[in-house]
Amino acid sequence: MEKDQTLQLEIERLQQHIKTLEQQNQIYKDRLSLLKDTELQTAKLSAIVEYSDDAIISKNLDSIITSWNKSAERLFGYKAEEMIGRSILKIIPTERQHEEVIILEKLRSGKHVDHFETIRMRKDGSLIHVSLTISPLKDVEGNIIGLSKIARDITDRKQNEANKHDFVSMISHELKTPLTSLKTYMQVMQKKIEKQPEINEFIPIGLDKANRLVDKMVKLIHDFLDVSKIEAGKLSLNRIEFDLNELINEIIDDHAFLNTIHTITCQFHTEKLTIFADKDKITQVITNLLTNAIKYSPAGGNIVIATQKHNNKAFFSISDEGLGIDPIDQHHLFQRFFRSRRSREKQISGFGIGLYLVSEILALHGSTIRVKSTVNKGSTFSFKLDCYAKSPGLYGLTKQSLF
């Protein structure tokens, strides 16, 4: 009997021990599962950090870099091995290194820094605009042991903001100048009418100039509207058949009052050159090209407009003897708001949208604007358009317009 009781107690003890072992085993399994989940989450987080589009950098409280992801390499130009263990001051311009002291003071007090916009320096010495978001790194006891920094490149945004500012300034100037002149002509005409009610010789001249200035402002506004339509993908074409050579002559006549020092020569290889295109838009293209040829050859000289037909295509070119365009600028010439270095140096007015519109309008016609230019010798712009109607046989025809 006593032996049975002892055996029963031993069995219960073993059962309790087994239960304890099972509980411990389950705890170990749970911990192992948690560890695997943690490792997985850590791996995911590491991958996110490593391949994030933003530069993610960590550093200690002495501003020594402890991690440097792939985007930081792309943004700043330094490899991780070049930066880890080095001071963050390496990428901060000298005149902005005081910012690091301010940032560290905020982070030591447990505060975050959100979207702090500043300038940093790349390995090649170039400066970039960045937006910084910085958070404190804490250990298990809650002590701040370092900082985590996310840097986003905002250089393009800052450049666009600068372009907008310049754009508004140029608009103010370009609209104010013809409005001032228009007001002057109107005031003069008003005074002359008050003094001499009968029509005098100044009135028709003043009215003509006033109308021309209004036309200039209307064209400017139309150009701005077309830029907006292009950006919205809403600029459409209304193609018709019309005579390109006749249109060129009309545009030259419209520019006669603007020009006194240029000789404009038209070289038409056919008397009539019918094309299939949007007449208003092609008028805009040729007007912009002719205006530029006049504006960028301030010393005067020859401007030659040539057309010819070949393989059912109409070819157009316009050449001047002006300032010419630097080869570097030629790559950016048809970008919106771009103005060449020489145009800025010579203080030639403009918005940098004329050639952009030319390029976009021709692209809608399935064509491309081309340029050949030599500094101080002049430029030639050319394009081709579809030509459907039959033209008379080839013969030499030169029309000169001397202003």
Protein backbone atom coordinates (compact mmCIF):
# COMPACT_ATOMS: atom_id res chain seq x y z
CA MET A 1 0.00 0.00 0.00
CA GLU A 2 2.78 2.36 0.94
CA LYS A 3 4.63 1.43 -2.23
CA ASP A 4 1.56 2.28 -4.34
CA GLN A 5 1.30 5.72 -2.74
CA THR A 6 4.98 6.39 -3.35
CA LEU A 7 4.65 5.32 -6.97
CA GLN A 8 1.58 7.54 -7.38
CA LEU A 9 3.46 10.52 -5.99
CA GLU A 10 6.39 9.85 -8.31
CA ILE A 11 4.04 9.66 -11.31
CA GLU A 12 2.42 12.97 -10.33
CA ARG A 13 5.83 14.57 -9.90
CA LEU A 14 6.91 13.33 -13.33
CA GLN A 15 3.66 14.57 -14.85
CA GLN A 16 4.21 17.99 -13.29
CA HIS A 17 7.78 18.01 -14.56
CA ILE A 18 6.62 17.09 -18.04
CA LYS A 19 4.01 19.84 -17.92
CA THR A 20 6.65 22.32 -16.83
CA LEU A 21 8.92 21.19 -19.67
CA GLU A 22 6.07 21.55 -22.15
CA GLN A 23 5.36 25.06 -20.89
CA GLN A 24 9.05 26.00 -21.16
CA ASN A 25 9.19 24.46 -24.59
CA GLN A 26 6.22 26.55 -25.69
CA ILE A 27 7.87 29.66 -24.26
CA TYR A 28 11.03 28.85 -26.22
CA LYS A 29 8.95 28.30 -29.36
CA ASP A 30 7.16 31.61 -28.84
CA ARG A 31 10.45 33.39 -28.26
CA LEU A 32 11.97 31.73 -31.34
CA SER A 33 8.95 32.75 -33.42
CA LEU A 34 9.17 36.28 -32.04
CA LEU A 35 12.90 36.34 -32.79
CA LYS A 36 12.27 35.20 -36.36
CA ASP A 37 9.53 37.81 -36.76
CA THR A 38 11.87 40.43 -35.34
CA GLU A 39 14.65 39.34 -37.67
CA LEU A 40 12.21 39.44 -40.58
CA GLN A 41 10.98 42.89 -39.62
CA THR A 42 14.56 44.04 -39.14
CA ALA A 43 15.48 42.67 -42.58
CA LYS A 44 12.49 44.43 -44.12
CA LEU A 45 13.34 47.67 -42.34
CA SER A 46 16.97 47.37 -43.46
CA ALA A 47 15.85 46.82 -47.04
CA ILE A 48 13.52 49.83 -46.86
CA VAL A 49 16.31 51.99 -45.45
CA GLU A 50 18.90 50.70 -47.91
CA TYR A 51 16.77 51.15 -51.04
CA SER A 52 14.67 54.15 -50.06
CA ASP A 53 14.52 56.98 -52.60
CA ASP A 54 15.52 59.33 -49.78
CA ALA A 55 18.98 59.48 -48.24
CA ILE A 56 18.81 57.92 -44.75
CA ILE A 57 21.76 58.56 -42.45
CA SER A 58 22.37 57.83 -38.79
CA LYS A 59 24.99 59.46 -36.58
CA ASN A 60 25.95 59.62 -32.93
CA LEU A 61 25.74 62.66 -30.68
CA ASP A 62 29.24 63.69 -31.76
CA SER A 63 28.02 64.01 -35.38
CA ILE A 64 29.96 60.91 -36.45
CA ILE A 65 28.16 58.96 -39.18
CA THR A 66 27.22 55.38 -38.28
CA SER A 67 25.13 54.38 -41.33
CA TRP A 68 24.81 55.60 -44.92
CA ASN A 69 22.32 54.09 -47.37
CA LYS A 70 22.38 53.73 -51.18
CA SER A 71 20.35 56.88 -51.77
CA ALA A 72 22.82 58.84 -49.63
CA GLU A 73 25.54 57.56 -51.98
CA ARG A 74 23.55 58.74 -55.02
CA LEU A 75 22.59 62.08 -53.50
CA PHE A 76 25.94 63.13 -52.07
CA GLY A 77 28.34 61.16 -54.26
CA TYR A 78 30.20 59.45 -51.39
CA LYS A 79 30.31 55.68 -50.86
CA ALA A 80 29.34 54.32 -47.43
CA GLU A 81 32.94 53.38 -46.64
CA GLU A 82 33.98 56.98 -47.33
CA MET A 83 31.52 58.41 -44.82
CA ILE A 84 30.92 55.92 -41.99
CA GLY A 85 33.14 56.95 -39.10
CA ARG A 86 33.50 60.50 -40.51
CA SER A 87 31.89 63.72 -39.34
CA ILE A 88 28.63 64.83 -40.93
CA LEU A 89 30.27 68.25 -41.32
CA LYS A 90 31.96 66.84 -44.42
CA ILE A 91 28.76 67.47 -46.42
CA ILE A 92 27.77 70.74 -44.73
CA PRO A 93 29.04 73.99 -46.32
CA THR A 94 31.20 76.04 -43.95
CA GLU A 95 28.72 78.89 -43.74
CA ARG A 96 25.98 76.47 -42.63
CA GLN A 97 27.84 74.36 -40.07
CA HIS A 98 26.21 76.30 -37.25
CA GLU A 99 22.99 74.49 -38.18
CA GLU A 100 24.45 71.22 -36.85
CA VAL A 101 24.83 72.73 -33.37
CA ILE A 102 21.20 73.91 -33.39
CA ILE A 103 19.96 70.52 -34.62
CA LEU A 104 21.91 68.61 -31.94
CA GLU A 105 20.52 70.85 -29.19
CA LYS A 106 16.96 70.15 -30.29
CA LEU A 107 17.50 66.40 -30.64
CA ARG A 108 19.25 66.07 -27.24
CA SER A 109 16.11 67.46 -25.66
CA GLY A 110 14.05 64.77 -27.38
CA LYS A 111 12.54 67.03 -30.04
CA HIS A 112 12.16 66.16 -33.71
CA VAL A 113 13.21 68.30 -36.67
CA ASP A 114 10.66 68.17 -39.49
CA HIS A 115 11.20 69.32 -43.07
CA PHE A 116 14.11 71.62 -42.35
CA GLU A 117 15.14 73.09 -45.73
CA THR A 118 18.80 73.85 -46.18
CA ILE A 119 21.79 73.40 -48.50
CA ARG A 120 24.33 70.59 -48.47
CA MET A 121 27.46 69.85 -50.49
CA ARG A 122 28.16 66.91 -52.79
CA LYS A 123 31.51 65.19 -53.27
CA ASP A 124 32.15 67.17 -56.47
CA GLY A 125 31.67 70.43 -54.56
CA SER A 126 28.27 71.26 -56.06
CA LEU A 127 25.52 72.46 -53.76
CA ILE A 128 22.07 70.86 -53.48
CA HIS A 129 18.89 71.90 -51.73
CA VAL A 130 17.60 69.30 -49.26
CA SER A 131 14.71 68.89 -46.85
CA LEU A 132 15.80 67.21 -43.59
CA THR A 133 13.66 65.22 -41.17
CA ILE A 134 15.64 64.21 -38.06
CA SER A 135 14.61 62.02 -35.12
CA PRO A 136 16.45 60.94 -31.95
CA LEU A 137 17.63 57.31 -31.59
CA LYS A 138 17.07 55.80 -28.12
CA ASP A 139 18.39 52.69 -26.37
CA VAL A 140 16.19 50.21 -24.44
CA GLU A 141 16.30 52.47 -21.39
CA GLY A 142 15.10 55.49 -23.36
CA ASN A 143 18.44 57.29 -23.45
CA ILE A 144 19.18 59.28 -26.62
CA ILE A 145 22.25 57.71 -28.23
CA GLY A 146 22.16 59.15 -31.71
CA LEU A 147 20.16 60.65 -34.55
CA SER A 148 18.40 59.34 -37.65
CA LYS A 149 18.25 61.73 -40.60
CA ILE A 150 16.20 61.56 -43.79
CA ALA A 151 17.41 63.91 -46.54
CA ARG A 152 15.25 64.57 -49.59
CA ASP A 153 16.60 66.34 -52.67
CA ILE A 154 14.45 69.43 -53.37
CA THR A 155 16.86 71.11 -55.81
CA ASP A 156 14.41 70.86 -58.74
CA ARG A 157 11.60 72.30 -56.63
CA LYS A 158 13.78 75.22 -55.53
CA GLN A 159 14.83 75.83 -59.14
CA ASN A 160 11.19 75.85 -60.22
CA GLU A 161 10.41 78.35 -57.47
CA ALA A 162 13.27 80.54 -58.67
CA ASN A 163 12.04 80.22 -62.26
CA LYS A 164 8.53 81.23 -61.19
CA HIS A 165 9.93 84.29 -59.42
CA ASP A 166 11.96 85.25 -62.49
CA PHE A 167 8.96 84.52 -64.67
CA VAL A 168 6.70 86.86 -62.69
CA SER A 169 9.40 89.55 -62.77
CA MET A 170 9.76 89.23 -66.54
CA ILE A 171 5.99 89.29 -67.06
CA SER A 172 5.76 92.47 -65.03
CA HIS A 173 8.48 94.07 -67.13
CA GLU A 174 7.27 92.82 -70.53
CA LEU A 175 3.67 93.86 -69.95
CA LYS A 176 4.53 97.12 -68.22
CA THR A 177 6.77 98.38 -71.06
CA PRO A 178 4.18 98.24 -73.90
CA LEU A 179 1.43 99.45 -71.56
CA THR A 180 3.54 102.47 -70.60
CA SER A 181 4.23 103.24 -74.27
CA LEU A 182 0.59 102.72 -75.14
CA LYS A 183 -0.48 105.12 -72.41
CA THR A 184 2.03 107.71 -73.67
CA TYR A 185 0.73 107.54 -77.24
CA MET A 186 -2.85 107.84 -76.06
CA GLN A 187 -2.01 110.86 -73.85
CA VAL A 188 -0.17 112.60 -76.70
CA MET A 189 -3.06 111.98 -79.09
CA GLN A 190 -5.51 113.29 -76.49
CA LYS A 191 -3.53 116.52 -76.02
CA LYS A 192 -3.18 117.04 -79.78
CA ILE A 193 -6.89 116.55 -80.28
CA GLU A 194 -7.62 119.06 -77.48
CA LYS A 195 -5.31 121.64 -79.06
CA GLN A 196 -6.25 120.91 -82.65
CA PRO A 197 -9.55 119.10 -83.06
CA GLU A 198 -9.01 118.52 -86.78
CA ILE A 199 -7.06 115.36 -87.63
CA ASN A 200 -3.33 116.00 -87.70
CA GLU A 201 -0.56 113.81 -89.07
CA PHE A 202 0.40 112.35 -85.66
CA ILE A 203 -2.99 110.75 -85.00
CA PRO A 204 -2.82 107.93 -87.59
CA ILE A 205 0.81 107.20 -86.65
CA GLY A 206 0.02 107.15 -82.95
CA LEU A 207 -3.01 104.94 -83.44
CA ASP A 208 -0.99 102.52 -85.55
CA LYS A 209 1.71 102.24 -82.91
CA ALA A 210 -0.89 101.84 -80.17
CA ASN A 211 -2.55 99.03 -82.12
CA ARG A 212 0.82 97.33 -82.64
CA LEU A 213 1.56 97.47 -78.91
CA VAL A 214 -1.84 95.98 -78.14
CA ASP A 215 -1.11 93.21 -80.66
CA LYS A 216 2.18 92.52 -78.91
CA MET A 217 0.46 92.12 -75.54
CA VAL A 218 -2.26 89.92 -77.05
CA LYS A 219 0.42 87.69 -78.60
CA LEU A 220 2.21 87.49 -75.26
CA ILE A 221 -0.98 86.42 -73.51
CA HIS A 222 -1.72 83.84 -76.22
CA ASP A 223 1.78 82.40 -75.79
CA PHE A 224 1.22 82.02 -72.04
CA LEU A 225 -2.14 80.35 -72.65
CA ASP A 226 -0.56 77.93 -75.12
CA VAL A 227 2.13 77.01 -72.60
CA SER A 228 -0.63 76.14 -70.13
CA LYS A 229 -2.47 74.10 -72.77
CA ILE A 230 0.71 72.18 -73.67
CA GLU A 231 1.34 71.34 -70.02
CA ALA A 232 -2.26 70.14 -69.68
CA GLY A 233 -2.05 68.17 -72.94
CA LYS A 234 -4.91 70.23 -74.39
CA LEU A 235 -3.21 72.06 -77.28
CA SER A 236 -4.96 70.87 -80.45
CA LEU A 237 -4.43 71.49 -84.15
CA ASN A 238 -6.84 72.69 -86.84
CA ARG A 239 -5.13 71.60 -90.06
CA ILE A 240 -6.01 73.23 -93.36
CA GLU A 241 -4.26 73.71 -96.70
CA PHE A 242 -2.64 77.14 -97.17
CA ASP A 243 0.25 78.81 -98.98
CA LEU A 244 3.34 78.90 -96.74
CA ASN A 245 5.10 81.53 -98.88
CA GLU A 246 2.11 83.87 -98.75
CA LEU A 247 1.98 83.48 -94.97
CA ILE A 248 5.69 84.35 -94.67
CA ASN A 249 5.18 87.56 -96.69
CA GLU A 250 2.28 88.56 -94.42
CA ILE A 251 4.38 88.00 -91.30
CA ILE A 252 7.26 90.07 -92.72
CA ASP A 253 4.87 92.92 -93.53
CA ASP A 254 3.53 92.81 -89.96
CA HIS A 255 7.10 93.14 -88.63
CA ALA A 256 8.02 96.09 -90.83
CA PHE A 257 7.33 98.70 -88.13
CA LEU A 258 9.63 96.90 -85.65
CA ASN A 259 12.69 96.84 -87.85
CA THR A 260 14.91 99.55 -89.32
CA ILE A 261 18.39 97.99 -89.51
CA HIS A 262 17.88 94.52 -90.99
CA THR A 263 17.58 93.31 -94.56
CA ILE A 264 15.09 90.46 -94.76
CA THR A 265 15.41 88.33 -97.87
CA CYS A 266 12.94 85.63 -98.89
CA GLN A 267 14.27 82.85 -101.11
CA PHE A 268 11.29 80.86 -102.39
CA HIS A 269 12.10 77.94 -104.72
CA THR A 270 8.45 77.75 -105.74
CA GLU A 271 6.06 80.65 -106.20
CA LYS A 272 3.39 78.82 -104.25
CA LEU A 273 4.04 76.21 -101.55
CA THR A 274 0.82 74.71 -100.19
CA ILE A 275 1.11 72.85 -96.92
CA PHE A 276 -1.33 70.99 -94.68
CA ALA A 277 -1.02 72.36 -91.15
CA ASP A 278 -2.57 74.59 -88.48
CA LYS A 279 -2.20 78.05 -90.00
CA ASP A 280 -2.48 79.98 -86.73
CA LYS A 281 0.09 77.75 -85.02
CA ILE A 282 2.55 77.92 -87.93
CA THR A 283 2.09 81.71 -87.91
CA GLN A 284 3.08 81.58 -84.26
CA VAL A 285 6.16 79.46 -85.08
CA ILE A 286 7.44 81.68 -87.88
CA THR A 287 6.64 84.88 -85.96
CA ASN A 288 8.68 83.67 -82.98
CA LEU A 289 11.60 82.66 -85.19
CA LEU A 290 11.60 85.98 -87.09
CA THR A 291 11.26 88.01 -83.88
CA ASN A 292 14.22 86.14 -82.39
CA ALA A 293 16.31 86.63 -85.53
CA ILE A 294 15.73 90.39 -85.28
CA LYS A 295 16.15 90.55 -81.50
CA TYR A 296 19.34 88.47 -81.33
CA SER A 297 21.10 90.35 -84.12
CA PRO A 298 21.06 93.81 -82.50
CA ALA A 299 23.72 95.16 -84.89
CA GLY A 300 21.46 94.48 -87.87
CA GLY A 301 22.55 92.47 -90.91
CA ASN A 302 20.86 90.02 -93.23
CA ILE A 303 18.02 87.70 -92.31
CA VAL A 304 17.29 85.05 -94.94
CA ILE A 305 14.04 83.06 -95.00
CA ALA A 306 14.07 80.14 -97.45
CA THR A 307 11.48 77.55 -98.47
CA GLN A 308 11.57 74.65 -100.90
CA LYS A 309 9.66 71.47 -101.68
CA HIS A 310 11.17 67.99 -101.77
CA ASN A 311 9.52 64.55 -101.63
CA ASN A 312 6.13 66.01 -100.70
CA LYS A 313 7.68 67.96 -97.81
CA ALA A 314 7.94 71.73 -97.40
CA PHE A 315 11.29 72.83 -95.96
CA PHE A 316 11.61 76.11 -94.06
CA SER A 317 14.74 77.83 -92.75
CA ILE A 318 15.60 81.23 -91.29
CA SER A 319 19.17 82.48 -90.89
CA ASP A 320 20.59 85.57 -89.21
CA GLU A 321 24.00 87.16 -88.67
CA GLY A 322 23.53 87.78 -84.97
CA LEU A 323 25.05 86.79 -81.66
CA GLY A 324 24.97 83.06 -82.23
CA ILE A 325 24.36 80.42 -79.56
CA ASP A 326 26.93 78.71 -77.39
CA PRO A 327 27.09 74.92 -78.06
CA ILE A 328 26.28 74.18 -74.40
CA ASP A 329 23.16 76.35 -74.54
CA GLN A 330 21.97 74.68 -77.75
CA HIS A 331 21.16 71.51 -75.78
CA HIS A 332 18.71 73.45 -73.58
CA LEU A 333 17.41 75.94 -76.13
CA PHE A 334 13.91 74.47 -76.47
CA GLN A 335 13.28 73.95 -72.77
CA ARG A 336 10.56 75.97 -71.10
CA PHE A 337 11.81 79.25 -69.54
CA PHE A 338 15.40 78.64 -70.69
CA ARG A 339 17.37 81.75 -71.58
CA SER A 340 20.90 81.53 -72.93
CA ARG A 341 23.84 83.05 -71.12
CA ARG A 342 24.50 85.50 -73.96
CA SER A 343 20.91 86.77 -73.95
CA ARG A 344 21.21 87.51 -70.24
CA GLU A 345 24.61 89.17 -70.68
CA LYS A 346 23.27 91.37 -73.49
CA GLN A 347 20.13 92.10 -71.42
CA ILE A 348 17.84 91.00 -74.24
CA SER A 349 14.28 90.79 -72.94
CA GLY A 350 12.28 87.60 -73.11
CA PHE A 351 10.59 84.85 -71.12
CA GLY A 352 12.23 81.76 -72.56
CA ILE A 353 8.94 80.39 -73.90
CA GLY A 354 9.13 81.33 -77.62
CA LEU A 355 11.37 78.49 -78.77
CA TYR A 356 9.68 76.11 -76.34
CA LEU A 357 6.37 76.84 -78.08
CA VAL A 358 8.02 76.47 -81.50
CA SER A 359 9.34 73.05 -80.55
CA GLU A 360 6.05 71.83 -79.05
CA ILE A 361 3.88 73.09 -81.91
CA LEU A 362 6.13 71.45 -84.50
CA ALA A 363 6.15 68.23 -82.47
CA LEU A 364 2.33 68.18 -82.70
CA HIS A 365 2.78 68.45 -86.48
CA GLY A 366 5.19 65.48 -86.41
CA SER A 367 8.17 67.73 -87.08
CA THR A 368 11.31 68.83 -85.26
CA ILE A 369 13.00 72.20 -85.00
CA ARG A 370 16.72 72.11 -85.75
CA VAL A 371 19.42 74.69 -85.09
CA LYS A 372 22.91 75.35 -86.40
CA SER A 373 24.76 78.22 -84.80
CA THR A 374 28.21 79.73 -84.45
CA VAL A 375 28.94 82.28 -81.75
CA ASN A 376 29.26 85.82 -83.17
CA LYS A 377 28.35 84.60 -86.68
CA GLY A 378 24.67 83.83 -86.44
CA SER A 379 22.11 81.04 -86.34
CA THR A 380 19.92 79.00 -88.67
CA PHE A 381 16.67 77.38 -87.55
CA SER A 382 14.88 74.92 -89.81
CA PHE A 383 11.96 72.49 -89.95
CA LYS A 384 9.82 70.61 -92.47
CA LEU A 385 6.06 70.08 -92.84
CA ASP A 386 3.72 67.92 -94.91
CA CYS A 387 2.98 69.30 -98.37
CA TYR A 388 0.01 67.89 -100.27
CA ALA A 389 -1.11 70.31 -102.96
CA LYS A 390 0.84 70.54 -106.19
CA SER A 391 3.09 73.58 -106.56
CA PRO A 392 4.26 75.24 -109.79
CA GLY A 393 7.54 74.09 -111.28
CA LEU A 394 10.77 75.08 -109.60
CA TYR A 395 12.17 78.44 -110.42
CA GLY A 396 14.25 81.05 -108.65
CA LEU A 397 12.28 83.75 -106.88
CA THR A 398 13.82 86.21 -104.47
CA LYS A 399 11.88 88.85 -102.63
CA GLN A 400 13.73 91.50 -100.68
CA SER A 401 12.19 93.62 -98.00
CA LEU A 402 14.39 96.47 -96.86
CA PHE A 403 13.43 98.19 -93.65
